[in-house]
Protein backbone atom coordinates (compact mmCIF):
# COMPACT_ATOMS: atom_id res chain seq x y z
CA MET A 1 0.00 0.00 0.00
CA ARG A 2 2.92 2.35 0.76
CA ALA A 3 4.31 1.65 -2.70
CA SER A 4 0.92 2.48 -4.28
CA ILE A 5 0.96 6.02 -2.80
CA GLY A 6 4.60 6.64 -3.64
CA LEU A 7 6.23 6.07 -0.22
CA ALA A 8 9.38 4.08 0.31
CA LEU A 9 9.39 1.17 2.72
CA GLY A 10 10.15 2.28 6.26
CA ALA A 11 8.88 5.83 5.69
CA PHE A 12 6.03 7.30 7.70
CA ALA A 13 3.06 8.91 6.10
CA PRO A 14 2.35 12.46 7.28
CA CYS A 15 -0.49 12.77 9.75
CA LYS A 16 -3.33 14.93 8.50
CA ILE A 17 -6.38 16.02 10.42
CA PRO A 18 -9.41 15.82 8.14
CA THR A 19 -11.24 19.13 8.39
CA ASP A 20 -13.61 18.68 5.46
CA SER A 21 -16.27 17.26 7.73
CA LEU A 22 -15.97 20.19 10.24
CA GLY A 23 -18.23 23.13 9.94
CA GLY A 24 -17.01 26.71 9.62
CA LEU A 25 -17.58 27.45 13.31
CA ASP A 26 -15.64 24.38 14.46
CA ARG A 27 -12.71 25.22 12.22
CA SER A 28 -12.60 28.79 13.54
CA TYR A 29 -12.65 27.51 17.15
CA LEU A 30 -9.81 25.10 16.38
CA ALA A 31 -7.73 27.86 14.82
CA ILE A 32 -8.23 30.19 17.81
CA ARG A 33 -7.34 27.42 20.27
CA LEU A 34 -4.15 26.58 18.40
CA LEU A 35 -3.22 30.27 18.41
CA LEU A 36 -3.79 30.58 22.17
CA MET A 37 -1.72 27.47 22.85
CA ARG A 38 1.15 28.94 20.87
CA PHE A 39 1.15 32.20 22.84
CA ARG A 40 0.15 30.73 26.22
CA PRO A 41 3.56 31.25 27.93
CA LEU A 42 3.62 34.89 26.82
CA LEU A 43 0.07 35.46 28.06
CA ALA A 44 0.91 33.90 31.44
CA LEU A 45 3.95 36.17 31.80
CA VAL A 46 1.92 39.30 30.99
CA LEU A 47 -0.82 38.28 33.45
CA ALA A 48 1.69 37.68 36.27
CA PHE A 49 3.35 41.04 35.55
CA CYS A 50 0.03 42.88 35.74
CA LEU A 51 -1.03 41.11 38.97
CA THR A 52 2.31 41.96 40.62
CA PHE A 53 1.89 45.69 40.07
CA ALA A 54 -1.81 45.59 40.94
CA ALA A 55 -1.16 43.93 44.33
CA ALA A 56 1.99 45.86 45.29
CA PRO A 57 1.57 48.82 47.68
CA SER A 58 2.28 52.32 46.45
CA SER A 59 5.23 52.63 48.87
CA VAL A 60 7.24 50.49 51.27
CA SER A 61 5.78 52.16 54.33
CA ALA A 62 2.22 51.46 53.13
CA ALA A 63 2.83 47.74 53.68
CA PHE A 64 2.97 48.31 57.44
CA PRO A 65 -0.09 49.14 59.52
CA LEU A 66 -0.66 52.50 61.10
CA GLY A 67 -0.93 52.60 64.85
CA LYS A 68 0.60 53.66 68.12
CA GLU A 69 3.36 51.06 68.13
CA ARG A 70 4.46 51.26 64.49
CA GLY A 71 3.52 54.16 62.26
CA ASN A 72 4.82 54.86 58.80
CA THR A 73 6.94 57.79 59.98
CA ASP A 74 8.55 55.91 62.88
CA PHE A 75 9.30 52.81 60.83
CA GLY A 76 10.69 54.76 57.89
CA GLY A 77 13.04 56.61 60.21
CA ILE A 78 14.29 53.47 61.97
CA VAL A 79 14.60 50.76 59.31
CA ASN A 80 18.23 50.04 58.30
CA THR A 81 19.59 52.70 60.68
CA GLY A 82 20.45 50.56 63.70
CA GLN A 83 18.11 52.54 65.94
CA ALA A 84 15.96 49.46 66.61
CA GLY A 85 18.76 48.03 68.77
CA VAL A 86 19.28 51.17 70.87
CA CYS A 87 18.12 50.99 74.48
CA ARG A 88 16.08 53.86 75.83
CA ALA A 89 17.83 56.38 78.08
CA LEU A 90 16.42 58.50 80.87
CA PRO A 91 17.39 62.16 81.32
CA SER A 92 20.50 62.60 83.41
CA GLY A 93 19.78 63.81 86.91
CA SER A 94 16.66 61.66 87.37
CA THR A 95 16.96 60.81 91.05
CA GLY A 96 13.93 58.69 91.81
CA SER A 97 13.91 55.40 93.68
CA ILE A 98 12.20 52.04 93.12
CA SER A 99 11.86 49.35 95.77
CA ALA A 100 13.70 46.16 94.77
CA ASP A 101 10.77 43.78 95.05
CA GLY A 102 8.10 42.35 92.78
CA SER A 103 9.31 41.88 89.22
CA PHE A 104 10.94 43.72 86.34
CA LYS A 105 10.33 43.82 82.58
CA GLU A 106 11.69 45.27 79.32
CA LEU A 107 15.29 44.99 80.49
CA CYS A 108 17.52 46.08 77.59
CA LEU A 109 21.31 45.78 77.42
CA GLN A 110 23.10 47.40 74.49
CA PRO A 111 26.84 46.70 74.09
CA THR A 112 28.80 49.77 73.07
CA GLN A 113 32.34 48.43 73.60
CA ILE A 114 33.72 44.89 73.48
CA PHE A 115 37.18 43.78 74.61
CA VAL A 116 38.87 40.42 73.99
CA LYS A 117 41.51 39.06 76.34
CA VAL A 118 44.42 38.23 74.06
CA ALA A 119 48.16 38.84 74.13
CA GLY A 120 49.43 41.70 71.99
CA ASN A 121 52.62 39.72 71.25
CA LYS A 122 54.53 36.73 72.64
CA ARG A 123 56.27 38.80 75.31
CA GLN A 124 53.14 40.44 76.68
CA GLN A 125 50.68 38.95 79.10
CA ALA A 126 47.10 38.54 77.85
CA ASP A 127 44.99 41.60 78.50
CA PHE A 128 41.65 42.98 77.36
CA LEU A 129 42.09 44.67 73.99
CA PRO A 130 39.34 46.56 72.14
CA ALA A 131 37.59 44.57 69.44
CA LYS A 132 35.31 45.57 66.58
CA ILE A 133 31.82 44.14 66.10
CA ILE A 134 31.61 42.74 62.56
CA SER A 135 28.35 40.79 62.86
CA PRO A 136 25.57 41.69 63.26
CA ARG A 137 26.23 45.17 61.95
CA PHE A 138 23.52 46.97 63.91
CA ASN A 139 21.59 44.80 66.34
CA SER A 140 23.67 43.18 69.08
CA SER A 141 21.36 44.14 71.96
CA ILE A 142 19.46 42.02 74.45
CA ASP A 143 15.90 43.20 74.94
CA GLN A 144 12.52 42.51 76.57
CA VAL A 145 14.09 40.48 79.40
CA TYR A 146 11.78 39.98 82.36
CA GLY A 147 12.09 38.30 85.72
CA ASP A 148 11.83 38.45 89.49
CA LEU A 149 13.08 41.31 91.65
CA SER A 150 12.40 39.86 95.08
CA GLY A 151 15.04 40.14 97.78
CA GLY A 152 16.96 42.86 95.96
CA LYS A 153 18.00 40.46 93.19
CA PHE A 154 17.58 40.67 89.43
CA THR A 155 16.62 37.10 88.51
CA ALA A 156 16.11 36.73 84.75
CA GLN A 157 13.33 34.37 83.70
CA GLY A 158 12.89 34.93 79.98
CA GLY A 159 12.84 37.30 77.02
CA ILE A 160 15.34 37.88 74.23
CA ASP A 161 18.12 37.02 76.66
CA PHE A 162 21.04 36.29 74.33
CA SER A 163 22.54 37.69 71.14
CA LEU A 164 25.03 36.08 68.75
CA ILE A 165 27.95 38.39 68.02
CA THR A 166 31.23 38.07 66.12
CA VAL A 167 34.08 40.47 66.90
CA LEU A 168 37.44 41.15 65.27
CA ALA A 169 40.45 41.37 67.59
CA PRO A 170 43.46 43.65 66.89
CA ASN A 171 45.52 40.60 65.87
CA GLY A 172 43.06 39.87 63.03
CA GLU A 173 41.43 36.87 64.71
CA GLU A 174 37.65 36.58 64.78
CA PHE A 175 35.89 35.55 67.98
CA PRO A 176 32.23 34.52 67.94
CA LEU A 177 30.32 34.67 71.22
CA ALA A 178 26.82 34.43 72.64
CA PHE A 179 26.25 37.59 74.68
CA SER A 180 23.84 36.30 77.32
CA VAL A 181 21.96 37.11 80.51
CA LYS A 182 20.40 33.66 80.76
CA ASP A 183 19.89 32.53 84.35
CA MET A 184 21.13 35.93 85.56
CA VAL A 185 21.04 36.44 89.32
CA ALA A 186 22.44 39.85 90.27
CA SER A 187 22.24 40.96 93.91
CA GLY A 188 22.36 44.50 95.25
CA GLY A 189 20.58 46.87 97.59
CA LYS A 190 16.95 46.94 98.63
CA SER A 191 16.13 49.72 96.19
CA ILE A 192 16.89 50.69 92.61
CA ALA A 193 18.35 54.18 92.84
CA PRO A 194 21.19 56.18 91.27
CA GLY A 195 24.53 54.86 92.49
CA GLU A 196 23.27 51.34 93.26
CA THR A 197 25.00 48.33 91.69
CA PHE A 198 23.80 44.77 91.25
CA THR A 199 26.42 42.07 90.70
CA GLY A 200 25.94 38.41 89.89
CA SER A 201 26.40 35.54 87.48
CA THR A 202 25.01 34.55 84.07
CA SER A 203 24.91 31.41 81.95
CA THR A 204 26.39 31.46 78.44
CA PRO A 205 24.94 28.98 75.91
CA SER A 206 26.91 27.41 73.09
CA TYR A 207 27.25 29.57 69.99
CA ARG A 208 26.27 26.59 67.81
CA THR A 209 23.71 23.84 68.36
CA GLY A 210 24.31 20.10 68.27
CA ASP A 211 22.97 19.90 64.69
CA PHE A 212 25.66 22.21 63.28
CA LEU A 213 27.84 20.50 60.65
CA ASP A 214 31.46 21.55 60.37
CA PRO A 215 33.22 21.60 56.95
CA LYS A 216 33.87 17.84 57.27
CA SER A 217 30.21 17.07 58.13
CA ARG A 218 30.97 16.33 61.76
CA ALA A 219 28.34 17.21 64.34
CA LYS A 220 27.18 16.34 67.83
CA ASP A 221 23.70 15.06 67.01
CA THR A 222 23.84 14.49 63.23
CA GLY A 223 26.44 13.75 60.58
CA VAL A 224 29.57 11.66 61.03
CA GLU A 225 31.85 11.61 64.05
CA TYR A 226 35.16 10.77 62.39
CA ALA A 227 36.18 12.35 59.11
CA GLN A 228 39.80 11.15 58.91
CA GLY A 229 39.02 7.48 58.47
CA LEU A 230 40.21 4.48 60.44
CA VAL A 231 43.56 6.05 61.29
CA ALA A 232 41.89 8.52 63.62
CA LEU A 233 39.99 5.80 65.46
CA GLY A 234 43.13 4.32 66.97
CA GLY A 235 44.99 7.56 67.57
CA ASP A 236 45.47 9.27 70.91
CA ASP A 237 45.91 12.81 69.57
CA GLU A 238 43.97 15.07 71.94
CA ASP A 239 43.54 17.88 69.42
CA LEU A 240 42.22 15.42 66.83
CA ALA A 241 39.80 13.95 69.35
CA ARG A 242 38.49 17.41 70.23
CA GLU A 243 37.84 18.09 66.57
CA ASN A 244 36.06 14.78 66.04
CA ILE A 245 33.96 14.49 69.20
CA LYS A 246 31.62 17.48 69.40
CA GLN A 247 30.38 18.65 72.80
CA ASP A 248 27.64 21.12 73.60
CA LEU A 249 29.58 23.14 76.17
CA GLY A 250 28.25 26.32 77.72
CA GLY A 251 29.95 28.65 80.15
CA ASN A 252 29.43 31.05 83.04
CA GLY A 253 29.89 34.79 83.18
CA GLN A 254 29.82 37.71 85.57
CA ILE A 255 27.73 40.86 85.21
CA THR A 256 27.40 44.18 87.03
CA LEU A 257 24.41 46.48 86.58
CA SER A 258 25.04 50.10 87.58
CA ILE A 259 22.02 52.38 88.01
CA ASP A 260 22.43 56.02 86.96
CA SER A 261 18.89 57.41 86.58
CA VAL A 262 15.45 56.50 87.91
CA ALA A 263 12.15 58.12 86.91
CA GLY A 264 8.79 56.66 87.91
CA ASP A 265 8.95 52.91 87.29
CA GLU A 266 11.84 53.23 84.79
CA PHE A 267 15.58 52.98 85.37
CA SER A 268 18.67 53.24 83.20
CA GLY A 269 22.42 53.00 83.58
CA THR A 270 25.37 50.98 82.39
CA PHE A 271 26.53 47.37 82.61
CA THR A 272 29.78 45.44 82.51
CA ALA A 273 29.84 41.74 81.66
CA ILE A 274 32.71 39.24 81.37
CA GLN A 275 31.99 35.90 79.75
CA PRO A 276 33.71 33.24 77.62
CA SER A 277 33.75 33.26 73.84
CA ASP A 278 32.61 30.34 71.70
CA ASN A 279 34.55 27.07 72.02
CA ASP A 280 33.46 25.63 68.63
CA LEU A 281 31.67 22.68 70.26
CA GLY A 282 34.68 21.82 72.42
CA SER A 283 37.38 21.97 69.76
CA LYS A 284 38.83 25.35 70.81
CA ASP A 285 39.77 27.01 74.07
CA PRO A 286 37.50 30.00 74.79
CA VAL A 287 38.87 33.41 75.69
CA ASP A 288 37.38 35.96 78.06
CA VAL A 289 35.29 38.70 76.49
CA LYS A 290 34.39 41.93 78.29
CA LEU A 291 31.29 43.85 77.21
CA THR A 292 30.25 47.29 78.41
CA GLY A 293 27.24 49.35 77.41
CA ASN A 294 23.91 50.88 78.32
CA LEU A 295 20.94 49.36 80.12
CA TYR A 296 17.29 50.23 80.55
CA GLY A 297 14.44 48.54 82.34
CA ARG A 298 11.10 48.97 84.08
CA LYS A 299 9.52 47.61 87.19
CA ALA A 300 6.49 45.50 86.32
């Protein structure tokens, strides 16, 4: 049969759709549908483009609700300026007094200077040297911390009570740390007044969690434990073992809260904290880090 219509063996006859039996309306519908299918990707792109501009707000500030807590003017003047991490300050000379009982809230600690205890050179003894905050660029504050104030003690119970910071020491070494007031218990006088100080201890969590994978996929809770193969299993190298076996090690710090101003139920002042840096899940020896800055809080 192929030979009778002029086709060579093995060749395929072209497929033709018989349209003689279709009416004029059906043929027009088929032609329009084929045309839409050809330009369907272009039509979808145009529709998505139009919907994007129709749903977008006229300005960035219009995407945020008006109100007492966040208005367009306040947000526009704060975003990307670093002001969101600045603790409030009371006017100097505010000489009120608050009884140290009940509870406190909205405690804010903003580091302004950070020092790392390292040796300037091999002949010098390690001392606190000024370091530069390289991450995060703006927000390194602790905020909205609340807790108990009974017995003249600041006892932290919750809030945004730690902040992950990385600093650059003068020798070019980077030191990550978790600035923390977790489990803070700072004792002082029976009242919060200018000149009073509250001193106590804090708990410093690990900078990384147990699920963190190092460049060789080693981790405490996931991943592999040994990346060097069977040779490392029988070795007694302490440094190699510290790299292989991850440990979730925290630390303890000391903190001093110094009150400068009191007005109504608000107080402000400065703080000094000394705590360990990150130990990279037990593989590195931490160094002491000293943080100083401003504080603000309210009695609940």
